[in-house]
Amino acid sequence: TNGSQFFIVYDDSPLPPDYTVFGTVDEASLKPIQDLAAQGTIPGPGGMTAPAEEVTIKTISWS
């Protein structure tokens, strides 16, 4: 099956030029992201990082 992925970028983070920014996080949603960022990251391929704790997004909405 086809799949896709997206990234919630926290702080200044360079992305490859073929990535597309398509949204922002509102103030109410920023707190959980800040809490997650405080847990630290682990290194990933190409100099990117991933959260040190596993993350599951259960719902998402946009307008």
PDB file of N, CA and C in Angstrom:
ATOM      1  N   THR A   1       0.832  -1.182   0.000  1.00  0.00           N
ATOM      2  CA  THR A   1       0.000   0.000   0.000  1.00  0.00           C
ATOM      3  C   THR A   1       0.874   1.241   0.000  1.00  0.00           C
ATOM      4  N   ASN A   2       0.312   2.309  -0.475  1.00  0.00           N
ATOM      5  CA  ASN A   2       1.023   3.584  -0.429  1.00  0.00           C
ATOM      6  C   ASN A   2       0.938   4.146   0.978  1.00  0.00           C
ATOM      7  N   GLY A   3       1.923   4.860   1.368  1.00  0.00           N
ATOM      8  CA  GLY A   3       1.930   5.471   2.689  1.00  0.00           C
ATOM      9  C   GLY A   3       2.480   6.876   2.596  1.00  0.00           C
ATOM     10  N   SER A   4       2.376   7.564   3.671  1.00  0.00           N
ATOM     11  CA  SER A   4       2.944   8.899   3.736  1.00  0.00           C
ATOM     12  C   SER A   4       3.347   9.163   5.172  1.00  0.00           C
ATOM     13  N   GLN A   5       4.107  10.185   5.351  1.00  0.00           N
ATOM     14  CA  GLN A   5       4.514  10.582   6.687  1.00  0.00           C
ATOM     15  C   GLN A   5       4.560  12.092   6.747  1.00  0.00           C
ATOM     16  N   PHE A   6       4.464  12.598   7.948  1.00  0.00           N
ATOM     17  CA  PHE A   6       4.609  14.029   8.129  1.00  0.00           C
ATOM     18  C   PHE A   6       5.392  14.259   9.400  1.00  0.00           C
ATOM     19  N   PHE A   7       5.893  15.458   9.552  1.00  0.00           N
ATOM     20  CA  PHE A   7       6.751  15.801  10.666  1.00  0.00           C
ATOM     21  C   PHE A   7       6.180  17.008  11.393  1.00  0.00           C
ATOM     22  N   ILE A   8       6.209  16.955  12.710  1.00  0.00           N
ATOM     23  CA  ILE A   8       5.943  18.144  13.515  1.00  0.00           C
ATOM     24  C   ILE A   8       7.316  18.674  13.885  1.00  0.00           C
ATOM     25  N   VAL A   9       7.671  19.800  13.317  1.00  0.00           N
ATOM     26  CA  VAL A   9       9.012  20.363  13.502  1.00  0.00           C
ATOM     27  C   VAL A   9       8.973  21.338  14.669  1.00  0.00           C
ATOM     28  N   TYR A  10       9.883  21.136  15.602  1.00  0.00           N
ATOM     29  CA  TYR A  10       9.958  21.975  16.791  1.00  0.00           C
ATOM     30  C   TYR A  10      11.257  22.756  16.753  1.00  0.00           C
ATOM     31  N   ASP A  11      11.176  24.057  16.929  1.00  0.00           N
ATOM     32  CA  ASP A  11      12.349  24.929  16.923  1.00  0.00           C
ATOM     33  C   ASP A  11      12.879  25.064  15.494  1.00  0.00           C
ATOM     34  N   ASP A  12      13.981  25.740  15.321  1.00  0.00           N
ATOM     35  CA  ASP A  12      14.574  25.901  13.996  1.00  0.00           C
ATOM     36  C   ASP A  12      15.142  24.567  13.539  1.00  0.00           C
ATOM     37  N   SER A  13      14.654  24.088  12.419  1.00  0.00           N
ATOM     38  CA  SER A  13      15.081  22.788  11.906  1.00  0.00           C
ATOM     39  C   SER A  13      15.168  22.848  10.393  1.00  0.00           C
ATOM     40  N   PRO A  14      16.338  22.599   9.838  1.00  0.00           N
ATOM     41  CA  PRO A  14      16.436  22.563   8.381  1.00  0.00           C
ATOM     42  C   PRO A  14      15.757  21.308   7.839  1.00  0.00           C
ATOM     43  N   LEU A  15      15.028  21.470   6.767  1.00  0.00           N
ATOM     44  CA  LEU A  15      14.390  20.341   6.106  1.00  0.00           C
ATOM     45  C   LEU A  15      14.908  20.238   4.682  1.00  0.00           C
ATOM     46  N   PRO A  16      14.905  19.038   4.116  1.00  0.00           N
ATOM     47  CA  PRO A  16      15.295  18.899   2.711  1.00  0.00           C
ATOM     48  C   PRO A  16      14.395  19.758   1.824  1.00  0.00           C
ATOM     49  N   PRO A  17      14.915  20.234   0.705  1.00  0.00           N
ATOM     50  CA  PRO A  17      14.142  21.145  -0.149  1.00  0.00           C
ATOM     51  C   PRO A  17      12.888  20.522  -0.753  1.00  0.00           C
ATOM     52  N   ASP A  18      12.800  19.196  -0.803  1.00  0.00           N
ATOM     53  CA  ASP A  18      11.612  18.575  -1.386  1.00  0.00           C
ATOM     54  C   ASP A  18      10.502  18.324  -0.355  1.00  0.00           C
ATOM     55  N   TYR A  19      10.674  18.785   0.887  1.00  0.00           N
ATOM     56  CA  TYR A  19       9.628  18.707   1.905  1.00  0.00           C
ATOM     57  C   TYR A  19       8.736  19.939   1.775  1.00  0.00           C
ATOM     58  N   THR A  20       7.456  19.777   2.026  1.00  0.00           N
ATOM     59  CA  THR A  20       6.502  20.874   1.929  1.00  0.00           C
ATOM     60  C   THR A  20       5.918  21.192   3.300  1.00  0.00           C
ATOM     61  N   VAL A  21       6.005  22.438   3.705  1.00  0.00           N
ATOM     62  CA  VAL A  21       5.364  22.887   4.939  1.00  0.00           C
ATOM     63  C   VAL A  21       3.896  23.132   4.623  1.00  0.00           C
ATOM     64  N   PHE A  22       2.995  22.518   5.398  1.00  0.00           N
ATOM     65  CA  PHE A  22       1.581  22.674   5.079  1.00  0.00           C
ATOM     66  C   PHE A  22       0.715  23.093   6.259  1.00  0.00           C
ATOM     67  N   GLY A  23       1.306  23.492   7.365  1.00  0.00           N
ATOM     68  CA  GLY A  23       0.478  23.926   8.481  1.00  0.00           C
ATOM     69  C   GLY A  23       1.299  24.446   9.638  1.00  0.00           C
ATOM     70  N   THR A  24       0.604  24.887  10.654  1.00  0.00           N
ATOM     71  CA  THR A  24       1.223  25.370  11.881  1.00  0.00           C
ATOM     72  C   THR A  24       0.487  24.763  13.069  1.00  0.00           C
ATOM     73  N   VAL A  25       1.086  24.868  14.240  1.00  0.00           N
ATOM     74  CA  VAL A  25       0.476  24.370  15.472  1.00  0.00           C
ATOM     75  C   VAL A  25      -0.052  25.559  16.252  1.00  0.00           C
ATOM     76  N   ASP A  26      -1.302  25.478  16.701  1.00  0.00           N
ATOM     77  CA  ASP A  26      -1.855  26.595  17.469  1.00  0.00           C
ATOM     78  C   ASP A  26      -1.307  26.591  18.901  1.00  0.00           C
ATOM     79  N   GLU A  27      -1.527  27.685  19.591  1.00  0.00           N
ATOM     80  CA  GLU A  27      -0.966  27.883  20.935  1.00  0.00           C
ATOM     81  C   GLU A  27      -1.417  26.794  21.908  1.00  0.00           C
ATOM     82  N   ALA A  28      -2.677  26.378  21.830  1.00  0.00           N
ATOM     83  CA  ALA A  28      -3.193  25.351  22.738  1.00  0.00           C
ATOM     84  C   ALA A  28      -2.512  24.000  22.526  1.00  0.00           C
ATOM     85  N   SER A  29      -2.084  23.732  21.310  1.00  0.00           N
ATOM     86  CA  SER A  29      -1.436  22.458  20.997  1.00  0.00           C
ATOM     87  C   SER A  29       0.064  22.489  21.215  1.00  0.00           C
ATOM     88  N   LEU A  30       0.620  23.649  21.460  1.00  0.00           N
ATOM     89  CA  LEU A  30       2.066  23.770  21.604  1.00  0.00           C
ATOM     90  C   LEU A  30       2.580  23.135  22.894  1.00  0.00           C
ATOM     91  N   LYS A  31       1.817  23.170  23.981  1.00  0.00           N
ATOM     92  CA  LYS A  31       2.268  22.647  25.274  1.00  0.00           C
ATOM     93  C   LYS A  31       2.659  21.168  25.204  1.00  0.00           C
ATOM     94  N   PRO A  32       1.835  20.273  24.654  1.00  0.00           N
ATOM     95  CA  PRO A  32       2.261  18.871  24.571  1.00  0.00           C
ATOM     96  C   PRO A  32       3.520  18.686  23.719  1.00  0.00           C
ATOM     97  N   ILE A  33       3.670  19.500  22.690  1.00  0.00           N
ATOM     98  CA  ILE A  33       4.865  19.409  21.855  1.00  0.00           C
ATOM     99  C   ILE A  33       6.089  19.863  22.637  1.00  0.00           C
ATOM    100  N   GLN A  34       5.945  20.918  23.423  1.00  0.00           N
ATOM    101  CA  GLN A  34       7.053  21.371  24.272  1.00  0.00           C
ATOM    102  C   GLN A  34       7.413  20.303  25.303  1.00  0.00           C
ATOM    103  N   ASP A  35       6.408  19.658  25.891  1.00  0.00           N
ATOM    104  CA  ASP A  35       6.662  18.584  26.855  1.00  0.00           C
ATOM    105  C   ASP A  35       7.395  17.423  26.192  1.00  0.00           C
ATOM    106  N   LEU A  36       6.986  17.072  24.991  1.00  0.00           N
ATOM    107  CA  LEU A  36       7.647  16.003  24.255  1.00  0.00           C
ATOM    108  C   LEU A  36       9.087  16.383  23.926  1.00  0.00           C
ATOM    109  N   ALA A  37       9.302  17.608  23.490  1.00  0.00           N
ATOM    110  CA  ALA A  37      10.654  18.071  23.158  1.00  0.00           C
ATOM    111  C   ALA A  37      11.564  18.028  24.381  1.00  0.00           C
ATOM    112  N   ALA A  38      11.009  18.289  25.560  1.00  0.00           N
ATOM    113  CA  ALA A  38      11.805  18.268  26.787  1.00  0.00           C
ATOM    114  C   ALA A  38      12.305  16.861  27.124  1.00  0.00           C
ATOM    115  N   GLN A  39      11.677  15.825  26.561  1.00  0.00           N
ATOM    116  CA  GLN A  39      12.103  14.439  26.788  1.00  0.00           C
ATOM    117  C   GLN A  39      13.392  14.106  26.034  1.00  0.00           C
ATOM    118  N   GLY A  40      13.750  14.944  25.067  1.00  0.00           N
ATOM    119  CA  GLY A  40      14.964  14.714  24.296  1.00  0.00           C
ATOM    120  C   GLY A  40      14.692  13.989  22.991  1.00  0.00           C
ATOM    121  N   THR A  41      15.747  13.780  22.234  1.00  0.00           N
ATOM    122  CA  THR A  41      15.645  13.128  20.933  1.00  0.00           C
ATOM    123  C   THR A  41      16.714  12.054  20.792  1.00  0.00           C
ATOM    124  N   ILE A  42      16.525  11.215  19.786  1.00  0.00           N
ATOM    125  CA  ILE A  42      17.532  10.232  19.414  1.00  0.00           C
ATOM    126  C   ILE A  42      17.947  10.515  17.977  1.00  0.00           C
ATOM    127  N   PRO A  43      19.209  10.236  17.630  1.00  0.00           N
ATOM    128  CA  PRO A  43      19.664  10.520  16.268  1.00  0.00           C
ATOM    129  C   PRO A  43      18.976   9.626  15.241  1.00  0.00           C
ATOM    130  N   GLY A  44      18.771  10.204  14.077  1.00  0.00           N
ATOM    131  CA  GLY A  44      18.197   9.460  12.971  1.00  0.00           C
ATOM    132  C   GLY A  44      19.058   9.629  11.732  1.00  0.00           C
ATOM    133  N   PRO A  45      18.621   9.093  10.611  1.00  0.00           N
ATOM    134  CA  PRO A  45      19.406   9.184   9.381  1.00  0.00           C
ATOM    135  C   PRO A  45      19.494  10.614   8.856  1.00  0.00           C
ATOM    136  N   GLY A  46      20.576  10.921   8.205  1.00  0.00           N
ATOM    137  CA  GLY A  46      20.738  12.222   7.561  1.00  0.00           C
ATOM    138  C   GLY A  46      20.792  13.393   8.510  1.00  0.00           C
ATOM    139  N   GLY A  47      21.166  13.151   9.762  1.00  0.00           N
ATOM    140  CA  GLY A  47      21.255  14.233  10.723  1.00  0.00           C
ATOM    141  C   GLY A  47      19.929  14.628  11.347  1.00  0.00           C
ATOM    142  N   MET A  48      18.849  13.943  10.977  1.00  0.00           N
ATOM    143  CA  MET A  48      17.549  14.242  11.569  1.00  0.00           C
ATOM    144  C   MET A  48      17.456  13.537  12.918  1.00  0.00           C
ATOM    145  N   THR A  49      16.486  13.909  13.723  1.00  0.00           N
ATOM    146  CA  THR A  49      16.283  13.285  15.021  1.00  0.00           C
ATOM    147  C   THR A  49      14.834  12.838  15.164  1.00  0.00           C
ATOM    148  N   ALA A  50      14.598  11.992  16.150  1.00  0.00           N
ATOM    149  CA  ALA A  50      13.252  11.522  16.470  1.00  0.00           C
ATOM    150  C   ALA A  50      13.042  11.683  17.969  1.00  0.00           C
ATOM    151  N   PRO A  51      11.791  11.760  18.409  1.00  0.00           N
ATOM    152  CA  PRO A  51      11.546  11.868  19.852  1.00  0.00           C
ATOM    153  C   PRO A  51      12.115  10.657  20.591  1.00  0.00           C
ATOM    154  N   ALA A  52      12.642  10.886  21.782  1.00  0.00           N
ATOM    155  CA  ALA A  52      13.175   9.796  22.602  1.00  0.00           C
ATOM    156  C   ALA A  52      12.049   8.888  23.099  1.00  0.00           C
ATOM    157  N   GLU A  53      10.853   9.423  23.236  1.00  0.00           N
ATOM    158  CA  GLU A  53       9.687   8.647  23.657  1.00  0.00           C
ATOM    159  C   GLU A  53       8.783   8.414  22.450  1.00  0.00           C
ATOM    160  N   GLU A  54       8.194   7.216  22.361  1.00  0.00           N
ATOM    161  CA  GLU A  54       7.281   6.911  21.268  1.00  0.00           C
ATOM    162  C   GLU A  54       6.062   7.833  21.329  1.00  0.00           C
ATOM    163  N   VAL A  55       5.610   8.259  20.171  1.00  0.00           N
ATOM    164  CA  VAL A  55       4.479   9.184  20.073  1.00  0.00           C
ATOM    165  C   VAL A  55       3.382   8.541  19.232  1.00  0.00           C
ATOM    166  N   THR A  56       2.153   8.634  19.708  1.00  0.00           N
ATOM    167  CA  THR A  56       0.996   8.200  18.936  1.00  0.00           C
ATOM    168  C   THR A  56       0.031   9.373  18.840  1.00  0.00           C
ATOM    169  N   ILE A  57      -0.265   9.788  17.630  1.00  0.00           N
ATOM    170  CA  ILE A  57      -1.248  10.850  17.409  1.00  0.00           C
ATOM    171  C   ILE A  57      -2.586  10.165  17.186  1.00  0.00           C
ATOM    172  N   LYS A  58      -3.533  10.430  18.066  1.00  0.00           N
ATOM    173  CA  LYS A  58      -4.835   9.765  17.996  1.00  0.00           C
ATOM    174  C   LYS A  58      -5.849  10.549  17.183  1.00  0.00           C
ATOM    175  N   THR A  59      -5.773  11.871  17.219  1.00  0.00           N
ATOM    176  CA  THR A  59      -6.676  12.700  16.423  1.00  0.00           C
ATOM    177  C   THR A  59      -5.910  13.906  15.903  1.00  0.00           C
ATOM    178  N   ILE A  60      -6.396  14.433  14.818  1.00  0.00           N
ATOM    179  CA  ILE A  60      -5.823  15.648  14.248  1.00  0.00           C
ATOM    180  C   ILE A  60      -6.943  16.362  13.496  1.00  0.00           C
ATOM    181  N   SER A  61      -6.903  17.663  13.478  1.00  0.00           N
ATOM    182  CA  SER A  61      -7.910  18.418  12.734  1.00  0.00           C
ATOM    183  C   SER A  61      -7.263  19.647  12.120  1.00  0.00           C
ATOM    184  N   TRP A  62      -7.897  20.171  11.122  1.00  0.00           N
ATOM    185  CA  TRP A  62      -7.419  21.402  10.496  1.00  0.00           C
ATOM    186  C   TRP A  62      -8.615  22.163   9.965  1.00  0.00           C
ATOM    187  N   SER A  63      -8.366  23.434   9.719  1.00  0.00           N
ATOM    188  CA  SER A  63      -9.447  24.254   9.170  1.00  0.00           C
ATOM    189  C   SER A  63      -8.888  25.218   8.156  1.00  0.00           C
TER     190      SER A  63
END
